[in-house]
Amino acid sequence: MRISVPDQPSGHLTDAWRFCVGTGRFDLALRRDYQDSLALVQQDIGFRHIRGHGLLSDQTGVHRPYEHAGARHVRHSFTYVDQVVDAYLDLGIRPFVELGFMPQGLASGEQTVFWWKGNVTPPRDWREWADLVRGTVAHLVDRYGLDEVRTWPIEVWNEPNLPDFWEGADQAAYHRLYEVSAAAVKEVDAGLQVGGPSLAPGYQPHWMTDFAEFIESRDLPCDFVSRHAYSTGPAQHVPFGVHQTLGPASMLLEQFAAPREQLVGSRLAELPVHITEFNSSYRPDNPVHDTALHAAYLAPVLAGGGELVDSFSYWTFSDMFEEVGIPTALFHGGFGLLTHRQIKKPTYHLYAFMARMGDDVLARGADHLVTRHGDGRVTVLAWAPVDHTGLGEVVDGHTVRLSVPVGGPADATAYAHRSSVSEDAGNAWAAWSEMGRPLSPDRRQLAALREAAEPSRFHRSLPVAGGRVEVDLVLARHEVTLLELTPVTDSTPQWWDERRLLGLDPAADPSGGLA
C-alpha cells in the first residue's frame, strides 16, 4: 500500500535527539584523537551539549588540599577544566555539567568505580563539598559569562540508585547531596539550571517519586528531571567483551516516557525531562554497537523520542572511553558513533542523516519519517525492521511506498538524492571483520576502512505528477536510508542537445555517413 504524505505539516521536529551527547571521562578531552573526533561529529551532526563523568575526580585536578601554617586548606584549580571547556566551545558544543565524582581528598570512603577509579562515596565534609561546587560553578560563570553558563544544565551525580555509583545506593544520602549541591549552585546565581536524580534503568519508581517529595518538602530548587535508558539484558562475558540479549526498541521509548508518568501530580510534573544517557547496551564492549543492525534498531527512537522528552543523549560520541580499561582492538564494541581514529560506524550515519532532516514533520510511520525544509526540499528517513531476538527470519527487501508532495507544474521533475547504510554499505565493522579483525590496522587498512564506512549514494530525476512524487524505497537488510527530494527549476539552455556531446550533428545521419 502506498502512503500519501500530507502536504501540510503535522508538527515540528525538535532538537531533542541532538540536544546532548555523551563522552568518556572529562580529562580525555585533552587528547588529540578525542578533539579530532569531536570536530568531525560537530561538522556532520552538530550536537548542542556534551555530558560525561569525572569533572571533579582527581584526574581533572580541581580539588587540591594542602597544609600551611599548621592548618588544612583547599585550592580549586581549573587548569584542565579551562582547556577542555575552551575546546568544547570552540567546536560549538556546550557542557551539560555532571557534578561528580568525589575527589579522594574529600571522600568519606575508598569505594571506586571503573578502571580509572572514580570515587563514589559521600563527602566527609559537606561544607567543603558545597565550597567545591560553588567554587567550580562560580569559576565557570567568571570565565564564560553568566548568560552562557545559564544555558548549561547542571546535574547532581550519576546513577545514585546503583551501589556501584553511590555507596550503598543510599537514597537519603543522595537527597542530602542534592540539597547541598543545588543550594551551592543557586548561591552563584538563581537562574542557573540544576536537576537530577540521574537514575539508572531498572530503578524502583519510589526513587523518582521520593525525589519529588523531598524537593517539595524542603522547597528545594529543581529545574529539570533526568534518568538513563538502556535495553539489554545481563552481560554474558567473553574475553575483552560481552554479549547480551536485546529488548525491542520500544523499550527505550517506554523508559523515556516513565518520569512524566511517575511525576504526575507533583511539583516536578511539568519540568523538562532529560535522558542524560541512552543506548542499546550499557556495556562499552558489546559488538552490537558497531553494527548496521544497531543503526536500524535506533532509527525509530531518534525519529520519535522527541515527542516524549526534552532531550535524549546518545552514550557516547566516540570510543575514546576507558571504563573497563584501554580498548584492545579498533572495533571492540565501544559505545561511540566513531571508533578511535575516526572510523564512522553505521549509527554515526543515522545521526548524520537526522541532521539533514527538515523542521516541519509531514508524516511519521513505523518505518519512516518525512520532513520539509524551509526552501521546499522534502527529506525521507526510512529504516528496515529489526528482529531484536535474532530468532526470526532475515528481513531483506522491506519496501516503503510513499506519495510525497513536492509541488511544481505538471511537467516538473524532482532531483532525488539517496544515501544508505546497511549490512553491505557504510559498514566498516563488516569490512574489518572481512579483513580478519586486525587489532591494530595499518595505514592502508585504515584508509580502506574509512572508505568502507561511507554510505552508498545515488541520484536520479523523478517525474512530478499533480505536485507529487511516487517513491518505492526497497530496503536491504538493516538498511537506514535518507532520500532528499528537491523540486527542479530547469535552467538548461535551449541549444543543449545531448546527442552533440561527442560532436555529432543531430540533423545528420546518425551513422555519420559511415554506414
Protein backbone atom coordinates (compact mmCIF):
# COMPACT_ATOMS: atom_id res chain seq x y z
CA MET A 1 0.00 0.00 0.00
CA ARG A 2 1.25 3.46 -0.91
CA ILE A 3 1.09 6.06 1.86
CA SER A 4 0.02 9.54 0.78
CA VAL A 5 2.12 12.03 2.73
CA PRO A 6 0.08 15.14 3.70
CA ASP A 7 1.10 18.45 2.19
CA GLN A 8 0.59 20.36 5.45
CA PRO A 9 2.92 19.75 8.41
CA SER A 10 1.60 17.91 11.44
CA GLY A 11 4.25 19.17 13.83
CA HIS A 12 7.82 20.31 14.39
CA LEU A 13 10.90 18.08 14.54
CA THR A 14 12.55 19.04 17.81
CA ASP A 15 16.28 19.04 18.51
CA ALA A 16 15.82 16.61 21.43
CA TRP A 17 17.85 13.96 19.60
CA ARG A 18 20.95 16.18 19.41
CA PHE A 19 20.49 18.43 22.43
CA CYS A 20 23.22 16.42 24.16
CA VAL A 21 25.72 13.63 23.52
CA GLY A 22 27.76 11.59 25.96
CA THR A 23 31.52 11.40 26.32
CA GLY A 24 34.20 9.45 28.11
CA ARG A 25 35.58 10.93 31.31
CA PHE A 26 36.26 14.66 31.37
CA ASP A 27 40.05 14.69 31.05
CA LEU A 28 40.05 12.51 27.91
CA ALA A 29 39.09 15.70 26.06
CA LEU A 30 42.73 16.81 26.36
CA ARG A 31 43.78 14.20 23.79
CA ARG A 32 44.22 14.89 20.09
CA ASP A 33 42.21 11.87 18.89
CA TYR A 34 39.31 12.97 21.09
CA GLN A 35 39.27 16.52 19.75
CA ASP A 36 39.65 15.34 16.15
CA SER A 37 36.69 13.02 16.65
CA LEU A 38 34.51 15.68 18.25
CA ALA A 39 35.34 18.14 15.45
CA LEU A 40 34.14 15.61 12.86
CA VAL A 41 30.96 14.87 14.82
CA GLN A 42 30.20 18.56 15.14
CA GLN A 43 30.76 19.11 11.43
CA ASP A 44 28.33 16.37 10.38
CA ILE A 45 25.83 16.29 13.26
CA GLY A 46 26.15 19.38 15.44
CA PHE A 47 25.26 18.35 18.98
CA ARG A 48 24.33 21.22 21.34
CA HIS A 49 25.72 19.92 24.67
CA ILE A 50 28.11 17.23 25.91
CA ARG A 51 27.98 15.29 29.20
CA GLY A 52 30.39 12.92 30.87
CA HIS A 53 31.79 11.77 34.21
CA GLY A 54 34.80 12.95 36.13
CA LEU A 55 34.64 16.76 36.28
CA LEU A 56 35.54 16.68 39.98
CA SER A 57 37.57 13.45 40.01
CA ASP A 58 41.27 13.53 40.77
CA GLN A 59 42.32 13.21 37.11
CA THR A 60 40.97 16.72 36.48
CA GLY A 61 42.78 18.18 39.47
CA VAL A 62 40.16 20.66 40.68
CA HIS A 63 40.17 19.83 44.42
CA ARG A 64 43.71 20.40 45.77
CA PRO A 65 44.03 20.21 49.56
CA TYR A 66 47.28 21.34 51.18
CA GLU A 67 48.78 22.12 54.57
CA HIS A 68 50.13 25.53 55.52
CA ALA A 69 50.99 27.07 58.85
CA GLY A 70 49.63 24.01 60.60
CA ALA A 71 46.20 24.22 59.01
CA ARG A 72 44.42 22.41 56.16
CA HIS A 73 43.39 24.49 53.17
CA VAL A 74 41.93 23.71 49.72
CA ARG A 75 42.81 25.33 46.43
CA HIS A 76 40.43 24.95 43.48
CA SER A 77 42.47 24.56 40.31
CA PHE A 78 40.89 24.78 36.85
CA THR A 79 43.93 24.22 34.64
CA TYR A 80 42.42 21.23 32.82
CA VAL A 81 38.79 22.36 33.14
CA ASP A 82 39.53 25.56 31.23
CA GLN A 83 41.36 23.74 28.44
CA VAL A 84 38.51 21.28 27.98
CA VAL A 85 35.64 23.78 28.12
CA ASP A 86 37.51 26.20 25.83
CA ALA A 87 37.89 23.37 23.31
CA TYR A 88 34.20 22.46 23.59
CA LEU A 89 33.05 25.99 22.94
CA ASP A 90 35.47 26.38 20.03
CA LEU A 91 33.74 23.34 18.47
CA GLY A 92 30.26 24.78 19.00
CA ILE A 93 29.22 22.50 21.86
CA ARG A 94 28.37 23.42 25.45
CA PRO A 95 28.82 21.42 28.65
CA PHE A 96 25.94 19.55 30.24
CA VAL A 97 27.64 19.59 33.62
CA GLU A 98 27.65 16.47 35.81
CA LEU A 99 28.76 17.08 39.42
CA GLY A 100 30.93 14.06 40.21
CA PHE A 101 32.75 12.04 41.21
CA MET A 102 34.17 12.61 44.71
CA PRO A 103 37.77 13.87 44.98
CA GLN A 104 39.82 11.42 47.02
CA GLY A 105 40.87 14.18 49.40
CA LEU A 106 37.22 14.85 50.25
CA ALA A 107 35.82 11.31 50.13
CA SER A 108 34.42 9.56 53.18
CA GLY A 109 35.42 6.12 51.91
CA GLU A 110 37.55 4.16 49.46
CA GLN A 111 34.90 2.68 47.13
CA THR A 112 35.60 3.45 43.47
CA VAL A 113 34.11 2.61 40.09
CA PHE A 114 35.75 1.95 36.72
CA TRP A 115 39.30 1.22 35.67
CA TRP A 116 40.16 4.86 36.35
CA LYS A 117 38.77 4.66 39.91
CA GLY A 118 36.15 7.37 40.30
CA ASN A 119 35.32 7.64 44.00
CA VAL A 120 31.59 7.10 44.68
CA THR A 121 31.35 7.81 48.41
CA PRO A 122 29.70 10.85 50.03
CA PRO A 123 31.88 13.76 51.11
CA ARG A 124 33.34 13.54 54.59
CA ASP A 125 32.81 17.29 54.95
CA TRP A 126 29.57 18.60 53.45
CA ARG A 127 30.62 22.22 53.79
CA GLU A 128 33.78 21.54 51.82
CA TRP A 129 31.74 19.81 49.11
CA ALA A 130 29.45 22.85 48.93
CA ASP A 131 32.52 25.08 48.62
CA LEU A 132 33.83 22.87 45.79
CA VAL A 133 30.55 23.02 43.86
CA ARG A 134 30.13 26.74 44.45
CA GLY A 135 33.73 27.48 43.54
CA THR A 136 33.58 25.43 40.34
CA VAL A 137 30.33 26.97 39.14
CA ALA A 138 31.46 30.48 40.07
CA HIS A 139 34.67 29.97 38.09
CA LEU A 140 32.70 28.88 35.04
CA VAL A 141 30.49 31.97 35.31
CA ASP A 142 33.51 34.25 35.73
CA ARG A 143 35.31 32.76 32.73
CA TYR A 144 32.45 32.23 30.29
CA GLY A 145 29.80 34.71 31.40
CA LEU A 146 26.52 34.31 33.26
CA ASP A 147 24.31 34.33 30.16
CA GLU A 148 26.38 31.50 28.67
CA VAL A 149 26.51 29.29 31.77
CA ARG A 150 22.79 29.70 32.36
CA THR A 151 22.35 27.57 29.21
CA TRP A 152 24.36 24.70 30.73
CA PRO A 153 22.23 22.21 32.71
CA ILE A 154 23.96 21.08 35.93
CA GLU A 155 23.15 17.52 37.01
CA VAL A 156 23.85 16.26 40.53
CA TRP A 157 25.81 12.97 40.38
CA ASN A 158 25.26 9.87 38.23
CA GLU A 159 23.01 6.84 38.85
CA PRO A 160 22.79 7.04 42.66
CA ASN A 161 20.29 4.18 42.67
CA LEU A 162 23.14 1.78 41.83
CA PRO A 163 25.57 0.77 44.59
CA ASP A 164 28.38 0.78 42.03
CA PHE A 165 27.89 4.53 41.56
CA TRP A 166 26.80 5.68 45.03
CA GLU A 167 27.94 3.85 48.14
CA GLY A 168 25.13 1.59 49.29
CA ALA A 169 22.71 3.26 46.85
CA ASP A 170 21.77 5.31 49.92
CA GLN A 171 18.77 7.36 48.90
CA ALA A 172 18.78 9.62 51.96
CA ALA A 173 22.48 10.39 51.42
CA TYR A 174 21.77 11.24 47.78
CA HIS A 175 18.97 13.58 48.82
CA ARG A 176 21.40 15.37 51.11
CA LEU A 177 23.96 15.56 48.30
CA TYR A 178 21.34 17.05 46.02
CA GLU A 179 20.20 19.59 48.61
CA VAL A 180 23.72 20.80 49.37
CA SER A 181 24.74 20.85 45.69
CA ALA A 182 21.63 22.61 44.41
CA ALA A 183 21.91 25.27 47.10
CA ALA A 184 25.56 25.87 46.19
CA VAL A 185 24.69 26.26 42.50
CA LYS A 186 21.86 28.70 43.21
CA GLU A 187 24.08 30.73 45.54
CA VAL A 188 26.14 31.59 42.46
CA ASP A 189 23.03 32.61 40.50
CA ALA A 190 19.36 31.75 40.86
CA GLY A 191 19.00 31.50 37.07
CA LEU A 192 21.39 28.56 36.72
CA GLN A 193 19.77 25.21 35.89
CA VAL A 194 20.18 22.35 38.38
CA GLY A 195 18.49 18.96 38.44
CA GLY A 196 18.59 15.20 38.96
CA PRO A 197 18.29 12.44 40.08
CA SER A 198 20.10 10.87 37.08
CA LEU A 199 18.68 7.39 37.69
CA ALA A 200 19.85 4.18 36.01
CA PRO A 201 17.28 1.95 34.26
CA GLY A 202 15.54 -0.57 36.46
CA TYR A 203 15.07 1.83 39.35
CA GLN A 204 12.11 1.32 41.61
CA PRO A 205 9.51 4.07 40.96
CA HIS A 206 9.87 5.29 44.54
CA TRP A 207 13.31 6.65 43.65
CA MET A 208 11.63 9.17 41.36
CA THR A 209 8.56 9.89 43.50
CA ASP A 210 10.59 10.13 46.72
CA PHE A 211 12.91 12.59 45.00
CA ALA A 212 9.92 14.73 44.03
CA GLU A 213 8.50 14.56 47.57
CA PHE A 214 11.88 15.52 49.03
CA ILE A 215 12.14 18.52 46.70
CA GLU A 216 8.66 19.66 47.66
CA SER A 217 9.01 19.06 51.40
CA ARG A 218 12.27 21.01 51.57
CA ASP A 219 11.22 23.61 48.97
CA LEU A 220 14.40 22.95 47.00
CA PRO A 221 15.25 24.21 43.53
CA CYS A 222 14.91 21.74 40.66
CA ASP A 223 14.91 22.88 37.03
CA PHE A 224 14.84 19.52 35.25
CA VAL A 225 14.46 15.79 35.87
CA SER A 226 16.93 13.23 34.50
CA ARG A 227 17.30 9.49 34.06
CA HIS A 228 19.04 6.97 31.76
CA ALA A 229 17.74 4.34 29.33
CA TYR A 230 19.22 1.06 28.06
CA SER A 231 17.59 -2.02 26.55
CA THR A 232 19.88 -5.04 27.02
CA GLY A 233 19.90 -7.93 29.45
CA PRO A 234 22.65 -9.22 31.76
CA ALA A 235 26.19 -9.41 30.39
CA GLN A 236 27.48 -12.74 29.06
CA HIS A 237 31.23 -12.28 29.43
CA VAL A 238 33.85 -13.36 26.91
CA PRO A 239 37.49 -12.23 26.86
CA PHE A 240 37.61 -8.47 26.14
CA GLY A 241 33.87 -8.19 25.60
CA VAL A 242 30.30 -9.18 26.36
CA HIS A 243 27.19 -10.35 24.59
CA GLN A 244 23.65 -9.54 25.74
CA THR A 245 20.06 -10.12 24.79
CA LEU A 246 18.38 -7.10 23.25
CA GLY A 247 14.90 -5.83 24.05
CA PRO A 248 12.69 -4.13 21.45
CA ALA A 249 13.49 -0.50 20.62
CA SER A 250 10.11 0.45 22.08
CA MET A 251 11.61 -0.45 25.47
CA LEU A 252 13.76 2.68 25.23
CA LEU A 253 10.77 4.87 24.41
CA GLU A 254 8.89 3.42 27.37
CA GLN A 255 11.79 4.40 29.63
CA PHE A 256 11.80 7.89 28.13
CA ALA A 257 8.12 8.28 29.00
CA ALA A 258 8.37 6.94 32.56
CA PRO A 259 9.44 10.08 34.50
CA ARG A 260 6.45 12.15 33.40
CA GLU A 261 4.12 9.24 34.17
CA GLN A 262 5.67 8.78 37.63
CA LEU A 263 5.65 12.51 38.49
CA VAL A 264 2.01 13.24 37.65
CA GLY A 265 0.56 15.50 40.33
CA SER A 266 3.92 16.52 41.74
CA ARG A 267 5.68 19.87 41.56
CA LEU A 268 8.12 18.33 39.09
CA ALA A 269 5.47 17.12 36.66
CA GLU A 270 5.90 19.93 34.14
CA LEU A 271 9.69 20.21 34.28
CA PRO A 272 11.90 19.37 31.30
CA VAL A 273 12.95 15.71 31.20
CA HIS A 274 16.48 14.90 30.04
CA ILE A 275 17.56 11.34 29.26
CA THR A 276 21.22 12.02 30.01
CA GLU A 277 22.38 8.60 28.77
CA PHE A 278 20.81 6.15 26.36
CA ASN A 279 21.97 3.33 24.13
CA SER A 280 21.10 -0.28 23.43
CA SER A 281 23.73 -1.86 25.71
CA TYR A 282 25.06 -0.31 28.92
CA ARG A 283 28.40 -2.03 28.30
CA PRO A 284 31.33 -0.34 26.47
CA ASP A 285 32.45 -3.67 24.99
CA ASN A 286 29.34 -5.08 23.26
CA PRO A 287 29.90 -5.51 19.50
CA VAL A 288 26.25 -4.71 18.71
CA HIS A 289 27.23 -1.02 18.95
CA ASP A 290 29.42 -1.37 15.86
CA THR A 291 26.84 -2.92 13.54
CA ALA A 292 24.36 -1.91 10.86
CA LEU A 293 21.67 -3.63 12.92
CA HIS A 294 22.29 -1.04 15.63
CA ALA A 295 21.56 1.89 13.31
CA ALA A 296 18.28 0.40 12.10
CA TYR A 297 17.36 -0.57 15.67
CA LEU A 298 17.78 3.01 16.95
CA ALA A 299 16.18 4.78 13.97
CA PRO A 300 12.62 4.75 15.39
CA VAL A 301 13.98 6.00 18.71
CA LEU A 302 15.62 9.04 17.10
CA ALA A 303 12.55 9.65 14.97
CA GLY A 304 10.10 9.53 17.87
CA GLY A 305 11.93 10.24 21.11
CA GLY A 306 11.47 13.99 20.90
CA GLU A 307 7.73 13.52 21.30
CA LEU A 308 8.33 12.20 24.84
CA VAL A 309 11.26 14.10 26.36
CA ASP A 310 13.21 17.33 26.03
CA SER A 311 16.45 15.52 25.23
CA PHE A 312 17.96 12.05 24.93
CA SER A 313 21.73 11.88 24.94
CA TYR A 314 23.48 9.12 22.98
CA TRP A 315 26.14 7.47 25.11
CA THR A 316 28.75 8.24 23.60
CA PHE A 317 30.11 10.17 20.57
CA SER A 318 33.46 8.34 20.47
CA ASP A 319 35.09 5.06 21.50
CA MET A 320 37.66 7.09 23.45
CA PHE A 321 36.25 5.67 26.65
CA GLU A 322 38.01 3.70 29.38
CA GLU A 323 35.53 2.48 31.98
CA VAL A 324 36.71 -1.13 31.67
CA GLY A 325 40.24 -0.29 30.57
CA ILE A 326 42.06 0.71 27.41
CA PRO A 327 40.46 -0.94 24.35
CA THR A 328 42.49 -3.77 22.82
CA ALA A 329 41.14 -3.50 19.25
CA LEU A 330 39.90 -0.81 16.88
CA PHE A 331 36.41 -2.34 16.86
CA HIS A 332 35.71 -3.57 20.38
CA GLY A 333 32.01 -2.87 20.87
CA GLY A 334 32.57 0.63 22.22
CA PHE A 335 29.66 2.99 22.79
CA GLY A 336 30.90 5.52 20.25
CA LEU A 337 29.47 6.75 16.99
CA LEU A 338 33.14 6.77 15.94
CA THR A 339 35.95 4.35 16.67
CA HIS A 340 39.36 5.61 17.65
CA ARG A 341 40.94 7.25 14.57
CA GLN A 342 37.55 8.47 13.37
CA ILE A 343 36.13 5.42 11.61
CA LYS A 344 32.39 6.10 11.22
CA LYS A 345 30.00 3.41 12.41
CA PRO A 346 26.56 2.91 10.81
CA THR A 347 24.88 4.64 13.78
CA TYR A 348 27.05 7.70 13.07
CA HIS A 349 25.32 7.96 9.71
CA LEU A 350 21.89 7.59 11.29
CA TYR A 351 22.70 10.74 13.26
CA ALA A 352 24.21 12.49 10.24
CA PHE A 353 21.06 11.67 8.26
CA MET A 354 18.91 13.13 11.04
CA ALA A 355 20.97 16.32 10.85
CA ARG A 356 19.84 16.70 7.22
CA MET A 357 16.12 16.45 8.03
CA GLY A 358 13.82 19.46 7.85
CA ASP A 359 11.99 21.26 10.64
CA ASP A 360 8.40 20.54 9.58
CA VAL A 361 7.11 16.99 10.07
CA LEU A 362 4.84 15.83 7.26
CA ALA A 363 4.46 12.17 8.23
CA ARG A 364 5.58 9.57 10.76
CA GLY A 365 5.32 5.82 10.49
CA ALA A 366 6.71 2.63 11.94
CA ASP A 367 9.44 2.65 9.27
CA HIS A 368 9.72 6.27 8.11
CA LEU A 369 9.81 9.96 8.96
CA VAL A 370 9.09 12.65 6.35
CA THR A 371 10.02 16.32 6.81
CA ARG A 372 10.15 19.53 4.79
CA HIS A 373 12.76 22.26 4.81
CA GLY A 374 12.00 25.97 4.55
CA ASP A 375 13.27 26.00 0.95
CA GLY A 376 10.77 23.33 -0.14
CA ARG A 377 13.06 20.30 -0.05
CA VAL A 378 11.47 17.16 1.34
CA THR A 379 13.52 14.57 3.23
CA VAL A 380 12.56 10.98 3.96
CA LEU A 381 14.30 8.86 6.57
CA ALA A 382 13.35 5.19 6.25
CA TRP A 383 14.60 2.08 8.00
CA ALA A 384 14.29 -1.67 7.71
CA PRO A 385 12.65 -3.61 10.55
CA VAL A 386 14.98 -5.29 13.04
CA ASP A 387 14.50 -8.68 14.66
CA HIS A 388 15.95 -7.90 18.09
CA THR A 389 15.71 -11.54 19.18
CA GLY A 390 17.91 -12.97 16.41
CA LEU A 391 15.44 -15.84 16.09
CA GLY A 392 13.22 -14.61 13.26
CA GLU A 393 13.62 -14.71 9.51
CA VAL A 394 16.06 -12.32 7.86
CA VAL A 395 14.20 -9.28 6.53
CA ASP A 396 15.57 -8.20 3.14
CA GLY A 397 13.64 -6.12 0.63
CA HIS A 398 11.29 -4.34 3.02
CA THR A 399 9.66 -1.61 0.91
CA VAL A 400 8.40 1.81 1.95
CA ARG A 401 5.99 3.20 -0.67
CA LEU A 402 5.21 6.89 -0.45
CA SER A 403 3.48 9.61 -2.43
CA VAL A 404 5.41 12.72 -1.46
CA PRO A 405 4.25 16.33 -2.05
CA VAL A 406 6.95 18.45 -3.69
CA GLY A 407 4.85 20.97 -5.66
CA GLY A 408 5.68 22.33 -9.10
CA PRO A 409 3.94 22.39 -12.51
CA ALA A 410 2.59 19.32 -14.23
CA ASP A 411 5.71 18.67 -16.29
CA ALA A 412 8.14 19.30 -13.43
CA THR A 413 10.78 16.95 -12.09
CA ALA A 414 12.40 16.47 -8.70
CA TYR A 415 16.04 15.73 -8.01
CA ALA A 416 16.33 12.65 -5.79
CA HIS A 417 19.49 12.02 -3.79
CA ARG A 418 19.65 8.85 -1.70
CA SER A 419 22.24 7.87 0.92
CA SER A 420 22.18 4.49 2.67
CA VAL A 421 23.91 2.29 5.22
CA SER A 422 23.16 -1.41 5.58
CA GLU A 423 24.92 -4.74 6.01
CA ASP A 424 26.58 -4.11 2.62
CA ALA A 425 27.02 -0.32 2.58
CA GLY A 426 28.61 2.12 5.00
CA ASN A 427 29.52 -0.78 7.29
CA ALA A 428 33.16 -0.54 8.37
CA TRP A 429 32.66 -3.21 11.04
CA ALA A 430 31.79 -5.74 8.30
CA ALA A 431 34.86 -4.68 6.30
CA TRP A 432 37.06 -5.01 9.40
CA SER A 433 35.62 -8.49 10.01
CA GLU A 434 36.39 -9.47 6.41
CA MET A 435 39.99 -8.23 6.92
CA GLY A 436 40.35 -10.79 9.70
CA ARG A 437 39.66 -8.36 12.57
CA PRO A 438 43.15 -6.82 12.80
CA LEU A 439 43.73 -5.48 16.30
CA SER A 440 45.86 -2.57 15.05
CA PRO A 441 45.08 -1.89 11.37
CA ASP A 442 47.96 -0.43 9.38
CA ARG A 443 47.62 2.78 7.38
CA ARG A 444 46.44 1.01 4.24
CA GLN A 445 43.79 -0.89 6.20
CA LEU A 446 42.65 2.27 7.98
CA ALA A 447 42.22 4.01 4.63
CA ALA A 448 40.18 1.06 3.36
CA LEU A 449 38.01 1.09 6.48
CA ARG A 450 37.33 4.82 6.13
CA GLU A 451 36.28 4.23 2.54
CA ALA A 452 34.08 1.28 3.52
CA ALA A 453 32.46 3.42 6.22
CA GLU A 454 30.96 5.86 3.71
CA PRO A 455 27.28 5.40 2.78
CA SER A 456 26.24 4.30 -0.67
CA ARG A 457 24.90 7.25 -2.65
CA PHE A 458 22.97 7.59 -5.88
CA HIS A 459 20.81 10.18 -7.61
CA ARG A 460 18.18 10.43 -10.32
CA SER A 461 15.47 12.63 -11.76
CA LEU A 462 11.90 11.71 -10.81
CA PRO A 463 8.72 12.90 -12.56
CA VAL A 464 6.25 15.08 -10.67
CA ALA A 465 2.53 14.41 -11.25
CA GLY A 466 -0.09 16.50 -9.54
CA GLY A 467 2.59 18.11 -7.39
CA ARG A 468 3.69 14.69 -6.06
CA VAL A 469 6.50 12.20 -6.49
CA GLU A 470 5.93 8.49 -6.01
CA VAL A 471 8.85 6.65 -4.42
CA ASP A 472 9.39 2.98 -3.66
CA LEU A 473 12.24 2.60 -1.17
CA VAL A 474 13.36 -1.02 -1.25
CA LEU A 475 15.49 -1.55 1.84
CA ALA A 476 18.27 -4.07 2.22
CA ARG A 477 18.84 -5.94 5.47
CA HIS A 478 19.24 -3.45 8.35
CA GLU A 479 19.27 -0.53 5.94
CA VAL A 480 18.76 3.06 7.01
CA THR A 481 18.29 5.42 4.07
CA LEU A 482 17.92 9.15 3.60
CA LEU A 483 16.09 10.35 0.49
CA GLU A 484 16.26 14.07 -0.31
CA LEU A 485 13.78 15.40 -2.89
CA THR A 486 14.38 18.85 -4.35
CA PRO A 487 11.97 20.49 -6.83
CA VAL A 488 13.89 21.28 -10.01
CA THR A 489 14.00 24.67 -11.68
CA ASP A 490 15.31 23.76 -15.11
CA SER A 491 18.00 26.14 -16.37
CA THR A 492 19.07 24.00 -19.33
CA PRO A 493 19.83 26.26 -22.34
CA GLN A 494 17.65 25.84 -25.43
CA TRP A 495 20.59 24.84 -27.58
CA TRP A 496 21.65 21.92 -25.41
CA ASP A 497 21.36 18.55 -27.13
CA GLU A 498 22.97 15.53 -25.50
CA ARG A 499 23.49 13.94 -28.92
CA ARG A 500 26.12 16.60 -29.63
CA LEU A 501 28.23 15.60 -26.63
CA LEU A 502 30.74 13.89 -28.95
CA GLY A 503 30.43 16.45 -31.73
CA LEU A 504 27.70 14.73 -33.73
CA ASP A 505 25.19 16.72 -35.73
CA PRO A 506 21.71 15.51 -34.68
CA ALA A 507 20.29 16.62 -38.05
CA ALA A 508 22.74 14.39 -39.93
CA ASP A 509 22.73 10.63 -40.47
CA PRO A 510 23.18 9.06 -37.03
CA SER A 511 25.86 6.81 -38.54
CA GLY A 512 27.91 9.86 -39.54
CA GLY A 513 27.86 8.75 -43.21
CA LEU A 514 29.99 5.67 -42.44
CA ALA A 515 27.31 3.06 -42.98
